[in-house]
PDB file of N, CA and C in Angstrom:
ATOM      1  N   MET A   1      24.606  27.612   5.498  1.00  0.00           N
ATOM      2  CA  MET A   1      24.226  27.245   4.150  1.00  0.00           C
ATOM      3  C   MET A   1      24.272  25.722   3.975  1.00  0.00           C
ATOM      4  N   GLU A   2      25.234  25.087   4.658  1.00  0.00           N
ATOM      5  CA  GLU A   2      25.380  23.662   4.538  1.00  0.00           C
ATOM      6  C   GLU A   2      24.199  22.928   5.187  1.00  0.00           C
ATOM      7  N   VAL A   3      23.663  23.505   6.240  1.00  0.00           N
ATOM      8  CA  VAL A   3      22.536  22.924   6.905  1.00  0.00           C
ATOM      9  C   VAL A   3      21.272  22.886   6.016  1.00  0.00           C
ATOM     10  N   ILE A   4      21.081  24.016   5.297  1.00  0.00           N
ATOM     11  CA  ILE A   4      19.939  24.113   4.375  1.00  0.00           C
ATOM     12  C   ILE A   4      20.040  23.095   3.229  1.00  0.00           C
ATOM     13  N   SER A   5      21.265  22.971   2.650  1.00  0.00           N
ATOM     14  CA  SER A   5      21.412  22.037   1.583  1.00  0.00           C
ATOM     15  C   SER A   5      21.299  20.579   2.090  1.00  0.00           C
ATOM     16  N   ASN A   6      21.669  20.322   3.323  1.00  0.00           N
ATOM     17  CA  ASN A   6      21.536  19.003   3.884  1.00  0.00           C
ATOM     18  C   ASN A   6      20.111  18.645   4.015  1.00  0.00           C
ATOM     19  N   TYR A   7      19.270  19.589   4.595  1.00  0.00           N
ATOM     20  CA  TYR A   7      17.841  19.326   4.706  1.00  0.00           C
ATOM     21  C   TYR A   7      17.174  19.201   3.358  1.00  0.00           C
ATOM     22  N   GLY A   8      17.614  20.023   2.424  1.00  0.00           N
ATOM     23  CA  GLY A   8      17.043  19.975   1.037  1.00  0.00           C
ATOM     24  C   GLY A   8      17.319  18.642   0.346  1.00  0.00           C
ATOM     25  N   LEU A   9      18.566  18.140   0.529  1.00  0.00           N
ATOM     26  CA  LEU A   9      18.952  16.906  -0.039  1.00  0.00           C
ATOM     27  C   LEU A   9      18.129  15.754   0.546  1.00  0.00           C
ATOM     28  N   LYS A  10      17.972  15.771   1.872  1.00  0.00           N
ATOM     29  CA  LYS A  10      17.153  14.744   2.558  1.00  0.00           C
ATOM     30  C   LYS A  10      15.695  14.834   2.081  1.00  0.00           C
ATOM     31  N   GLY A  11      15.185  16.022   1.915  1.00  0.00           N
ATOM     32  CA  GLY A  11      13.828  16.159   1.445  1.00  0.00           C
ATOM     33  C   GLY A  11      13.649  15.640   0.053  1.00  0.00           C
ATOM     34  N   LEU A  12      14.636  15.998  -0.818  1.00  0.00           N
ATOM     35  CA  LEU A  12      14.579  15.530  -2.241  1.00  0.00           C
ATOM     36  C   LEU A  12      14.661  14.023  -2.310  1.00  0.00           C
ATOM     37  N   LEU A  13      15.593  13.414  -1.570  1.00  0.00           N
ATOM     38  CA  LEU A  13      15.704  11.951  -1.554  1.00  0.00           C
ATOM     39  C   LEU A  13      14.475  11.310  -1.002  1.00  0.00           C
ATOM     40  N   GLY A  14      13.870  11.899   0.035  1.00  0.00           N
ATOM     41  CA  GLY A  14      12.605  11.367   0.585  1.00  0.00           C
ATOM     42  C   GLY A  14      11.499  11.407  -0.427  1.00  0.00           C
ATOM     43  N   PHE A  15      11.462  12.548  -1.194  1.00  0.00           N
ATOM     44  CA  PHE A  15      10.428  12.701  -2.215  1.00  0.00           C
ATOM     45  C   PHE A  15      10.578  11.622  -3.302  1.00  0.00           C
ATOM     46  N   LEU A  16      11.825  11.414  -3.781  1.00  0.00           N
ATOM     47  CA  LEU A  16      12.050  10.427  -4.821  1.00  0.00           C
ATOM     48  C   LEU A  16      11.739   8.998  -4.283  1.00  0.00           C
ATOM     49  N   PHE A  17      12.121   8.723  -3.101  1.00  0.00           N
ATOM     50  CA  PHE A  17      11.861   7.416  -2.469  1.00  0.00           C
ATOM     51  C   PHE A  17      10.363   7.194  -2.311  1.00  0.00           C
ATOM     52  N   GLY A  18       9.653   8.252  -1.879  1.00  0.00           N
ATOM     53  CA  GLY A  18       8.204   8.129  -1.683  1.00  0.00           C
ATOM     54  C   GLY A  18       7.493   7.928  -3.026  1.00  0.00           C
ATOM     55  N   ALA A  19       7.930   8.632  -4.045  1.00  0.00           N
ATOM     56  CA  ALA A  19       7.315   8.470  -5.389  1.00  0.00           C
ATOM     57  C   ALA A  19       7.548   7.095  -5.904  1.00  0.00           C
ATOM     58  N   THR A  20       8.727   6.531  -5.678  1.00  0.00           N
ATOM     59  CA  THR A  20       9.031   5.170  -6.139  1.00  0.00           C
ATOM     60  C   THR A  20       8.207   4.177  -5.434  1.00  0.00           C
ATOM     61  N   VAL A  21       8.088   4.284  -4.095  1.00  0.00           N
ATOM     62  CA  VAL A  21       7.281   3.372  -3.310  1.00  0.00           C
ATOM     63  C   VAL A  21       5.824   3.450  -3.745  1.00  0.00           C
ATOM     64  N   ALA A  22       5.304   4.659  -3.989  1.00  0.00           N
ATOM     65  CA  ALA A  22       3.895   4.780  -4.420  1.00  0.00           C
ATOM     66  C   ALA A  22       3.649   4.106  -5.738  1.00  0.00           C
ATOM     67  N   PHE A  23       4.617   4.201  -6.688  1.00  0.00           N
ATOM     68  CA  PHE A  23       4.494   3.559  -7.975  1.00  0.00           C
ATOM     69  C   PHE A  23       4.472   2.063  -7.829  1.00  0.00           C
ATOM     70  N   LEU A  24       5.391   1.530  -7.004  1.00  0.00           N
ATOM     71  CA  LEU A  24       5.468   0.099  -6.808  1.00  0.00           C
ATOM     72  C   LEU A  24       4.244  -0.469  -6.073  1.00  0.00           C
ATOM     73  N   VAL A  25       3.704   0.316  -5.141  1.00  0.00           N
ATOM     74  CA  VAL A  25       2.489  -0.094  -4.449  1.00  0.00           C
ATOM     75  C   VAL A  25       1.330  -0.130  -5.394  1.00  0.00           C
ATOM     76  N   SER A  26       1.227   0.833  -6.270  1.00  0.00           N
ATOM     77  CA  SER A  26       0.158   0.910  -7.295  1.00  0.00           C
ATOM     78  C   SER A  26       0.182  -0.348  -8.162  1.00  0.00           C
ATOM     79  N   ILE A  27       1.356  -0.699  -8.674  1.00  0.00           N
ATOM     80  CA  ILE A  27       1.484  -1.823  -9.534  1.00  0.00           C
ATOM     81  C   ILE A  27       1.173  -3.133  -8.738  1.00  0.00           C
ATOM     82  N   SER A  28       1.672  -3.217  -7.523  1.00  0.00           N
ATOM     83  CA  SER A  28       1.405  -4.440  -6.728  1.00  0.00           C
ATOM     84  C   SER A  28      -0.062  -4.621  -6.431  1.00  0.00           C
ATOM     85  N   LEU A  29      -0.745  -3.530  -6.136  1.00  0.00           N
ATOM     86  CA  LEU A  29      -2.167  -3.615  -5.819  1.00  0.00           C
ATOM     87  C   LEU A  29      -2.958  -4.081  -7.050  1.00  0.00           C
ATOM     88  N   LYS A  30      -2.577  -3.611  -8.214  1.00  0.00           N
ATOM     89  CA  LYS A  30      -3.305  -4.066  -9.418  1.00  0.00           C
ATOM     90  C   LYS A  30      -3.073  -5.586  -9.603  1.00  0.00           C
ATOM     91  N   ALA A  31      -1.918  -6.092  -9.402  1.00  0.00           N
ATOM     92  CA  ALA A  31      -1.602  -7.516  -9.544  1.00  0.00           C
ATOM     93  C   ALA A  31      -2.333  -8.305  -8.496  1.00  0.00           C
ATOM     94  N   MET A  32      -2.349  -7.783  -7.247  1.00  0.00           N
ATOM     95  CA  MET A  32      -3.036  -8.498  -6.157  1.00  0.00           C
ATOM     96  C   MET A  32      -4.550  -8.530  -6.418  1.00  0.00           C
ATOM     97  N   LYS A  33      -5.146  -7.517  -7.011  1.00  0.00           N
ATOM     98  CA  LYS A  33      -6.619  -7.540  -7.326  1.00  0.00           C
ATOM     99  C   LYS A  33      -6.882  -8.631  -8.341  1.00  0.00           C
ATOM    100  N   ILE A  34      -6.046  -8.745  -9.321  1.00  0.00           N
ATOM    101  CA  ILE A  34      -6.304  -9.764 -10.350  1.00  0.00           C
ATOM    102  C   ILE A  34      -6.180 -11.194  -9.745  1.00  0.00           C
ATOM    103  N   ILE A  35      -5.134 -11.374  -8.943  1.00  0.00           N
ATOM    104  CA  ILE A  35      -4.922 -12.720  -8.329  1.00  0.00           C
ATOM    105  C   ILE A  35      -6.045 -13.033  -7.364  1.00  0.00           C
ATOM    106  N   ALA A  36      -6.502 -12.038  -6.560  1.00  0.00           N
ATOM    107  CA  ALA A  36      -7.585 -12.278  -5.609  1.00  0.00           C
ATOM    108  C   ALA A  36      -8.871 -12.594  -6.353  1.00  0.00           C
ATOM    109  N   LEU A  37      -9.148 -11.934  -7.409  1.00  0.00           N
ATOM    110  CA  LEU A  37     -10.347 -12.225  -8.213  1.00  0.00           C
ATOM    111  C   LEU A  37     -10.291 -13.629  -8.782  1.00  0.00           C
ATOM    112  N   ALA A  38      -9.190 -14.041  -9.297  1.00  0.00           N
ATOM    113  CA  ALA A  38      -9.043 -15.386  -9.847  1.00  0.00           C
ATOM    114  C   ALA A  38      -9.204 -16.435  -8.741  1.00  0.00           C
ATOM    115  N   GLN A  39      -8.607 -16.197  -7.598  1.00  0.00           N
ATOM    116  CA  GLN A  39      -8.797 -17.127  -6.463  1.00  0.00           C
ATOM    117  C   GLN A  39     -10.230 -17.200  -6.006  1.00  0.00           C
ATOM    118  N   PHE A  40     -10.852 -16.067  -5.840  1.00  0.00           N
ATOM    119  CA  PHE A  40     -12.213 -16.016  -5.398  1.00  0.00           C
ATOM    120  C   PHE A  40     -13.144 -16.753  -6.363  1.00  0.00           C
ATOM    121  N   SER A  41     -12.938 -16.553  -7.668  1.00  0.00           N
ATOM    122  CA  SER A  41     -13.752 -17.204  -8.699  1.00  0.00           C
ATOM    123  C   SER A  41     -13.564 -18.712  -8.672  1.00  0.00           C
ATOM    124  N   PHE A  42     -12.308 -19.144  -8.544  1.00  0.00           N
ATOM    125  CA  PHE A  42     -12.020 -20.563  -8.535  1.00  0.00           C
ATOM    126  C   PHE A  42     -12.585 -21.244  -7.277  1.00  0.00           C
ATOM    127  N   LEU A  43     -12.379 -20.656  -6.148  1.00  0.00           N
ATOM    128  CA  LEU A  43     -12.918 -21.219  -4.863  1.00  0.00           C
ATOM    129  C   LEU A  43     -14.408 -21.177  -4.863  1.00  0.00           C
ATOM    130  N   GLY A  44     -15.022 -20.124  -5.417  1.00  0.00           N
ATOM    131  CA  GLY A  44     -16.450 -20.039  -5.508  1.00  0.00           C
ATOM    132  C   GLY A  44     -17.025 -21.148  -6.416  1.00  0.00           C
ATOM    133  N   PHE A  45     -16.322 -21.408  -7.491  1.00  0.00           N
ATOM    134  CA  PHE A  45     -16.754 -22.524  -8.373  1.00  0.00           C
ATOM    135  C   PHE A  45     -16.674 -23.866  -7.639  1.00  0.00           C
ATOM    136  N   LEU A  46     -15.563 -24.051  -6.925  1.00  0.00           N
ATOM    137  CA  LEU A  46     -15.416 -25.349  -6.193  1.00  0.00           C
ATOM    138  C   LEU A  46     -16.473 -25.467  -5.087  1.00  0.00           C
ATOM    139  N   ALA A  47     -16.790 -24.352  -4.403  1.00  0.00           N
ATOM    140  CA  ALA A  47     -17.774 -24.423  -3.354  1.00  0.00           C
ATOM    141  C   ALA A  47     -19.188 -24.643  -3.945  1.00  0.00           C
ATOM    142  N   ALA A  48     -19.480 -24.013  -5.054  1.00  0.00           N
ATOM    143  CA  ALA A  48     -20.772 -24.220  -5.688  1.00  0.00           C
ATOM    144  C   ALA A  48     -20.948 -25.641  -6.226  1.00  0.00           C
ATOM    145  N   SER A  49     -19.835 -26.244  -6.608  1.00  0.00           N
ATOM    146  CA  SER A  49     -19.913 -27.599  -7.136  1.00  0.00           C
ATOM    147  C   SER A  49     -19.978 -28.627  -5.995  1.00  0.00           C
ATOM    148  N   GLY A  50     -19.766 -28.207  -4.786  1.00  0.00           N
ATOM    149  CA  GLY A  50     -19.797 -29.133  -3.655  1.00  0.00           C
ATOM    150  C   GLY A  50     -18.508 -29.851  -3.392  1.00  0.00           C
ATOM    151  N   ILE A  51     -17.418 -29.436  -4.036  1.00  0.00           N
ATOM    152  CA  ILE A  51     -16.154 -30.092  -3.861  1.00  0.00           C
ATOM    153  C   ILE A  51     -15.501 -29.670  -2.572  1.00  0.00           C
ATOM    154  N   ILE A  52     -15.652 -28.420  -2.179  1.00  0.00           N
ATOM    155  CA  ILE A  52     -15.062 -27.959  -0.923  1.00  0.00           C
ATOM    156  C   ILE A  52     -16.172 -27.249  -0.107  1.00  0.00           C
ATOM    157  N   THR A  53     -15.962 -27.131   1.179  1.00  0.00           N
ATOM    158  CA  THR A  53     -16.826 -26.375   2.064  1.00  0.00           C
ATOM    159  C   THR A  53     -16.045 -25.201   2.632  1.00  0.00           C
ATOM    160  N   ILE A  54     -16.657 -24.050   2.608  1.00  0.00           N
ATOM    161  CA  ILE A  54     -15.979 -22.842   3.118  1.00  0.00           C
ATOM    162  C   ILE A  54     -16.480 -22.518   4.514  1.00  0.00           C
ATOM    163  N   ASN A  55     -15.585 -22.454   5.469  1.00  0.00           N
ATOM    164  CA  ASN A  55     -15.928 -22.113   6.888  1.00  0.00           C
ATOM    165  C   ASN A  55     -15.851 -20.544   6.973  1.00  0.00           C
ATOM    166  N   LEU A  56     -17.014 -19.892   6.830  1.00  0.00           N
ATOM    167  CA  LEU A  56     -17.045 -18.440   6.831  1.00  0.00           C
ATOM    168  C   LEU A  56     -16.606 -17.825   8.154  1.00  0.00           C
ATOM    169  N   GLY A  57     -16.929 -18.513   9.278  1.00  0.00           N
ATOM    170  CA  GLY A  57     -16.533 -17.970  10.587  1.00  0.00           C
ATOM    171  C   GLY A  57     -15.009 -17.888  10.702  1.00  0.00           C
ATOM    172  N   ARG A  58     -14.327 -18.962  10.315  1.00  0.00           N
ATOM    173  CA  ARG A  58     -12.851 -18.930  10.351  1.00  0.00           C
ATOM    174  C   ARG A  58     -12.291 -18.000   9.352  1.00  0.00           C
ATOM    175  N   LEU A  59     -12.926 -17.923   8.206  1.00  0.00           N
ATOM    176  CA  LEU A  59     -12.457 -16.967   7.138  1.00  0.00           C
ATOM    177  C   LEU A  59     -12.518 -15.518   7.654  1.00  0.00           C
ATOM    178  N   PHE A  60     -13.607 -15.125   8.267  1.00  0.00           N
ATOM    179  CA  PHE A  60     -13.770 -13.759   8.831  1.00  0.00           C
ATOM    180  C   PHE A  60     -12.793 -13.507   9.957  1.00  0.00           C
ATOM    181  N   GLU A  61     -12.520 -14.549  10.738  1.00  0.00           N
ATOM    182  CA  GLU A  61     -11.529 -14.416  11.850  1.00  0.00           C
ATOM    183  C   GLU A  61     -10.124 -14.114  11.264  1.00  0.00           C
ATOM    184  N   ILE A  62      -9.764 -14.856  10.174  1.00  0.00           N
ATOM    185  CA  ILE A  62      -8.455 -14.623   9.534  1.00  0.00           C
ATOM    186  C   ILE A  62      -8.372 -13.221   8.956  1.00  0.00           C
ATOM    187  N   VAL A  63      -9.420 -12.777   8.325  1.00  0.00           N
ATOM    188  CA  VAL A  63      -9.478 -11.429   7.726  1.00  0.00           C
ATOM    189  C   VAL A  63      -9.333 -10.353   8.815  1.00  0.00           C
ATOM    190  N   ASN A  64      -9.979 -10.552   9.950  1.00  0.00           N
ATOM    191  CA  ASN A  64      -9.883  -9.649  11.063  1.00  0.00           C
ATOM    192  C   ASN A  64      -8.451  -9.596  11.610  1.00  0.00           C
ATOM    193  N   ASP A  65      -7.795 -10.749  11.729  1.00  0.00           N
ATOM    194  CA  ASP A  65      -6.417 -10.763  12.188  1.00  0.00           C
ATOM    195  C   ASP A  65      -5.493 -10.050  11.223  1.00  0.00           C
ATOM    196  N   ILE A  66      -5.729 -10.266   9.962  1.00  0.00           N
ATOM    197  CA  ILE A  66      -4.880  -9.589   8.937  1.00  0.00           C
ATOM    198  C   ILE A  66      -5.093  -8.070   8.977  1.00  0.00           C
ATOM    199  N   LEU A  67      -6.310  -7.622   9.111  1.00  0.00           N
ATOM    200  CA  LEU A  67      -6.594  -6.184   9.196  1.00  0.00           C
ATOM    201  C   LEU A  67      -5.984  -5.535  10.454  1.00  0.00           C
ATOM    202  N   SER A  68      -6.050  -6.252  11.552  1.00  0.00           N
ATOM    203  CA  SER A  68      -5.449  -5.690  12.807  1.00  0.00           C
ATOM    204  C   SER A  68      -3.903  -5.634  12.652  1.00  0.00           C
ATOM    205  N   TRP A  69      -3.317  -6.614  11.998  1.00  0.00           N
ATOM    206  CA  TRP A  69      -1.871  -6.627  11.762  1.00  0.00           C
ATOM    207  C   TRP A  69      -1.515  -5.430  10.869  1.00  0.00           C
ATOM    208  N   ILE A  70      -2.262  -5.211   9.815  1.00  0.00           N
ATOM    209  CA  ILE A  70      -2.001  -4.083   8.907  1.00  0.00           C
ATOM    210  C   ILE A  70      -2.103  -2.741   9.626  1.00  0.00           C
ATOM    211  N   ALA A  71      -3.148  -2.603  10.467  1.00  0.00           N
ATOM    212  CA  ALA A  71      -3.325  -1.352  11.193  1.00  0.00           C
ATOM    213  C   ALA A  71      -2.139  -1.107  12.145  1.00  0.00           C
ATOM    214  N   ALA A  72      -1.645  -2.131  12.806  1.00  0.00           N
ATOM    215  CA  ALA A  72      -0.507  -1.954  13.682  1.00  0.00           C
ATOM    216  C   ALA A  72       0.763  -1.616  12.877  1.00  0.00           C
ATOM    217  N   SER A  73       0.928  -2.225  11.722  1.00  0.00           N
ATOM    218  CA  SER A  73       2.074  -1.964  10.913  1.00  0.00           C
ATOM    219  C   SER A  73       2.073  -0.534  10.389  1.00  0.00           C
ATOM    220  N   LEU A  74       0.898  -0.080   9.922  1.00  0.00           N
ATOM    221  CA  LEU A  74       0.781   1.269   9.416  1.00  0.00           C
ATOM    222  C   LEU A  74       1.034   2.353  10.518  1.00  0.00           C
ATOM    223  N   GLU A  75       0.594   2.051  11.719  1.00  0.00           N
ATOM    224  CA  GLU A  75       0.848   2.981  12.834  1.00  0.00           C
ATOM    225  C   GLU A  75       2.352   3.080  13.077  1.00  0.00           C
ATOM    226  N   SER A  76       3.042   1.961  13.037  1.00  0.00           N
ATOM    227  CA  SER A  76       4.501   1.941  13.217  1.00  0.00           C
ATOM    228  C   SER A  76       5.222   2.704  12.055  1.00  0.00           C
ATOM    229  N   ILE A  77       4.750   2.466  10.831  1.00  0.00           N
ATOM    230  CA  ILE A  77       5.378   3.097   9.660  1.00  0.00           C
ATOM    231  C   ILE A  77       5.192   4.654   9.745  1.00  0.00           C
ATOM    232  N   PHE A  78       3.967   5.075  10.061  1.00  0.00           N
ATOM    233  CA  PHE A  78       3.693   6.507  10.103  1.00  0.00           C
ATOM    234  C   PHE A  78       4.439   7.206  11.217  1.00  0.00           C
ATOM    235  N   SER A  79       4.585   6.539  12.383  1.00  0.00           N
ATOM    236  CA  SER A  79       5.354   7.162  13.445  1.00  0.00           C
ATOM    237  C   SER A  79       6.826   7.257  13.079  1.00  0.00           C
ATOM    238  N   SER A  80       7.337   6.259  12.388  1.00  0.00           N
ATOM    239  CA  SER A  80       8.724   6.314  11.936  1.00  0.00           C
ATOM    240  C   SER A  80       8.942   7.455  10.937  1.00  0.00           C
ATOM    241  N   ILE A  81       8.021   7.599   9.973  1.00  0.00           N
ATOM    242  CA  ILE A  81       8.180   8.634   8.960  1.00  0.00           C
ATOM    243  C   ILE A  81       8.113  10.015   9.624  1.00  0.00           C
ATOM    244  N   LEU A  82       7.279  10.216  10.625  1.00  0.00           N
ATOM    245  CA  LEU A  82       7.149  11.517  11.299  1.00  0.00           C
ATOM    246  C   LEU A  82       8.439  11.854  12.071  1.00  0.00           C
ATOM    247  N   GLU A  83       9.153  10.853  12.520  1.00  0.00           N
ATOM    248  CA  GLU A  83      10.409  11.108  13.281  1.00  0.00           C
ATOM    249  C   GLU A  83      11.578  11.380  12.328  1.00  0.00           C
ATOM    250  N   LEU A  84      11.420  11.193  11.081  1.00  0.00           N
ATOM    251  CA  LEU A  84      12.553  11.391  10.141  1.00  0.00           C
ATOM    252  C   LEU A  84      12.699  12.847   9.653  1.00  0.00           C
ATOM    253  N   GLY A  85      11.839  13.744  10.032  1.00  0.00           N
ATOM    254  CA  GLY A  85      11.963  15.135   9.700  1.00  0.00           C
ATOM    255  C   GLY A  85      11.782  15.437   8.236  1.00  0.00           C
ATOM    256  N   SER A  86      12.749  16.075   7.605  1.00  0.00           N
ATOM    257  CA  SER A  86      12.614  16.517   6.196  1.00  0.00           C
ATOM    258  C   SER A  86      12.552  15.304   5.256  1.00  0.00           C
ATOM    259  N   PHE A  87      13.245  14.236   5.564  1.00  0.00           N
ATOM    260  CA  PHE A  87      13.136  13.025   4.723  1.00  0.00           C
ATOM    261  C   PHE A  87      11.752  12.486   4.787  1.00  0.00           C
ATOM    262  N   GLY A  88      11.161  12.444   5.991  1.00  0.00           N
ATOM    263  CA  GLY A  88       9.770  11.959   6.165  1.00  0.00           C
ATOM    264  C   GLY A  88       8.765  12.842   5.436  1.00  0.00           C
ATOM    265  N   ALA A  89       9.002  14.176   5.506  1.00  0.00           N
ATOM    266  CA  ALA A  89       8.087  15.112   4.821  1.00  0.00           C
ATOM    267  C   ALA A  89       8.218  14.919   3.309  1.00  0.00           C
ATOM    268  N   GLY A  90       9.450  14.742   2.830  1.00  0.00           N
ATOM    269  CA  GLY A  90       9.641  14.535   1.383  1.00  0.00           C
ATOM    270  C   GLY A  90       9.025  13.202   0.934  1.00  0.00           C
ATOM    271  N   PHE A  91       9.184  12.174   1.777  1.00  0.00           N
ATOM    272  CA  PHE A  91       8.596  10.867   1.475  1.00  0.00           C
ATOM    273  C   PHE A  91       7.077  10.945   1.391  1.00  0.00           C
ATOM    274  N   ALA A  92       6.485  11.573   2.384  1.00  0.00           N
ATOM    275  CA  ALA A  92       5.019  11.752   2.414  1.00  0.00           C
ATOM    276  C   ALA A  92       4.572  12.508   1.196  1.00  0.00           C
ATOM    277  N   GLY A  93       5.272  13.608   0.846  1.00  0.00           N
ATOM    278  CA  GLY A  93       4.891  14.397  -0.278  1.00  0.00           C
ATOM    279  C   GLY A  93       5.008  13.623  -1.605  1.00  0.00           C
ATOM    280  N   GLY A  94       6.103  12.867  -1.745  1.00  0.00           N
ATOM    281  CA  GLY A  94       6.307  12.087  -2.958  1.00  0.00           C
ATOM    282  C   GLY A  94       5.240  10.965  -3.064  1.00  0.00           C
ATOM    283  N   PHE A  95       4.967  10.314  -1.948  1.00  0.00           N
ATOM    284  CA  PHE A  95       4.013   9.193  -1.976  1.00  0.00           C
ATOM    285  C   PHE A  95       2.628   9.730  -2.278  1.00  0.00           C
ATOM    286  N   ILE A  96       2.175  10.758  -1.607  1.00  0.00           N
ATOM    287  CA  ILE A  96       0.844  11.341  -1.846  1.00  0.00           C
ATOM    288  C   ILE A  96       0.745  11.901  -3.218  1.00  0.00           C
ATOM    289  N   GLY A  97       1.742  12.676  -3.647  1.00  0.00           N
ATOM    290  CA  GLY A  97       1.666  13.287  -4.964  1.00  0.00           C
ATOM    291  C   GLY A  97       1.677  12.252  -6.091  1.00  0.00           C
ATOM    292  N   THR A  98       2.453  11.223  -5.967  1.00  0.00           N
ATOM    293  CA  THR A  98       2.474  10.206  -7.022  1.00  0.00           C
ATOM    294  C   THR A  98       1.180   9.375  -6.994  1.00  0.00           C
ATOM    295  N   THR A  99       0.640   9.086  -5.829  1.00  0.00           N
ATOM    296  CA  THR A  99      -0.606   8.377  -5.728  1.00  0.00           C
ATOM    297  C   THR A  99      -1.741   9.190  -6.405  1.00  0.00           C
ATOM    298  N   LEU A 100      -1.810  10.498  -6.129  1.00  0.00           N
ATOM    299  CA  LEU A 100      -2.861  11.323  -6.764  1.00  0.00           C
ATOM    300  C   LEU A 100      -2.674  11.406  -8.284  1.00  0.00           C
ATOM    301  N   LEU A 101      -1.391  11.542  -8.689  1.00  0.00           N
ATOM    302  CA  LEU A 101      -1.114  11.600 -10.129  1.00  0.00           C
ATOM    303  C   LEU A 101      -1.542  10.300 -10.832  1.00  0.00           C
ATOM    304  N   LEU A 102      -1.213   9.137 -10.248  1.00  0.00           N
ATOM    305  CA  LEU A 102      -1.553   7.880 -10.834  1.00  0.00           C
ATOM    306  C   LEU A 102      -3.067   7.672 -10.877  1.00  0.00           C
ATOM    307  N   GLU A 103      -3.794   8.097  -9.821  1.00  0.00           N
ATOM    308  CA  GLU A 103      -5.256   8.026  -9.872  1.00  0.00           C
ATOM    309  C   GLU A 103      -5.826   8.924 -10.982  1.00  0.00           C
ATOM    310  N   LYS A 104      -5.261  10.112 -11.113  1.00  0.00           N
ATOM    311  CA  LYS A 104      -5.765  11.018 -12.146  1.00  0.00           C
ATOM    312  C   LYS A 104      -5.495  10.428 -13.583  1.00  0.00           C
ATOM    313  N   LEU A 105      -4.333   9.860 -13.774  1.00  0.00           N
ATOM    314  CA  LEU A 105      -3.991   9.250 -15.031  1.00  0.00           C
ATOM    315  C   LEU A 105      -4.845   7.998 -15.338  1.00  0.00           C
ATOM    316  N   ASN A 106      -5.182   7.260 -14.300  1.00  0.00           N
ATOM    317  CA  ASN A 106      -6.085   6.091 -14.460  1.00  0.00           C
ATOM    318  C   ASN A 106      -7.513   6.511 -14.814  1.00  0.00           C
ATOM    319  N   GLU A 107      -7.972   7.644 -14.323  1.00  0.00           N
ATOM    320  CA  GLU A 107      -9.322   8.117 -14.605  1.00  0.00           C
ATOM    321  C   GLU A 107      -9.409   8.591 -16.024  1.00  0.00           C
ATOM    322  N   GLU A 108      -8.335   9.205 -16.553  1.00  0.00           N
ATOM    323  CA  GLU A 108      -8.362   9.730 -17.915  1.00  0.00           C
ATOM    324  C   GLU A 108      -8.319   8.614 -18.964  1.00  0.00           C
ATOM    325  N   SER A 109      -7.677   7.488 -18.634  1.00  0.00           N
ATOM    326  CA  SER A 109      -7.548   6.429 -19.644  1.00  0.00           C
ATOM    327  C   SER A 109      -8.661   5.419 -19.537  1.00  0.00           C
TER     328      SER A 109
END
C-alpha cells in the first residue's frame, strides 16, 4: 500500500509542477511576443530610415543556431522527464492539460 501512495504522491506532485510550469511558460511567451514585436518595429523603423543596416545572412545564421540549441535542449528535457516515471507522467499530464485549458480559455475571451 505504501508503494502505491508513494507513486500517487509523485504523480500528483508532478502534475502540480507541470501545471505551474505551463502557466509560467504561457505568461512568459505572451511577454516575449510583445517585446519581440516592439523590437522588430523599432529596428524596422531604423532600417527604413537608413540609420542602420541589417545583415540578413548573419541574422538567419543566429536564428538557426538558436533553433538548434532549443531542439537539443528539448530532447534532453523530454528524455529526463521520461526517466522520472510517475513524476514525469504527472508532469506531462499537468503541462499538457494546463496548456490545452489556457488555449481554450484564450479562445473564449
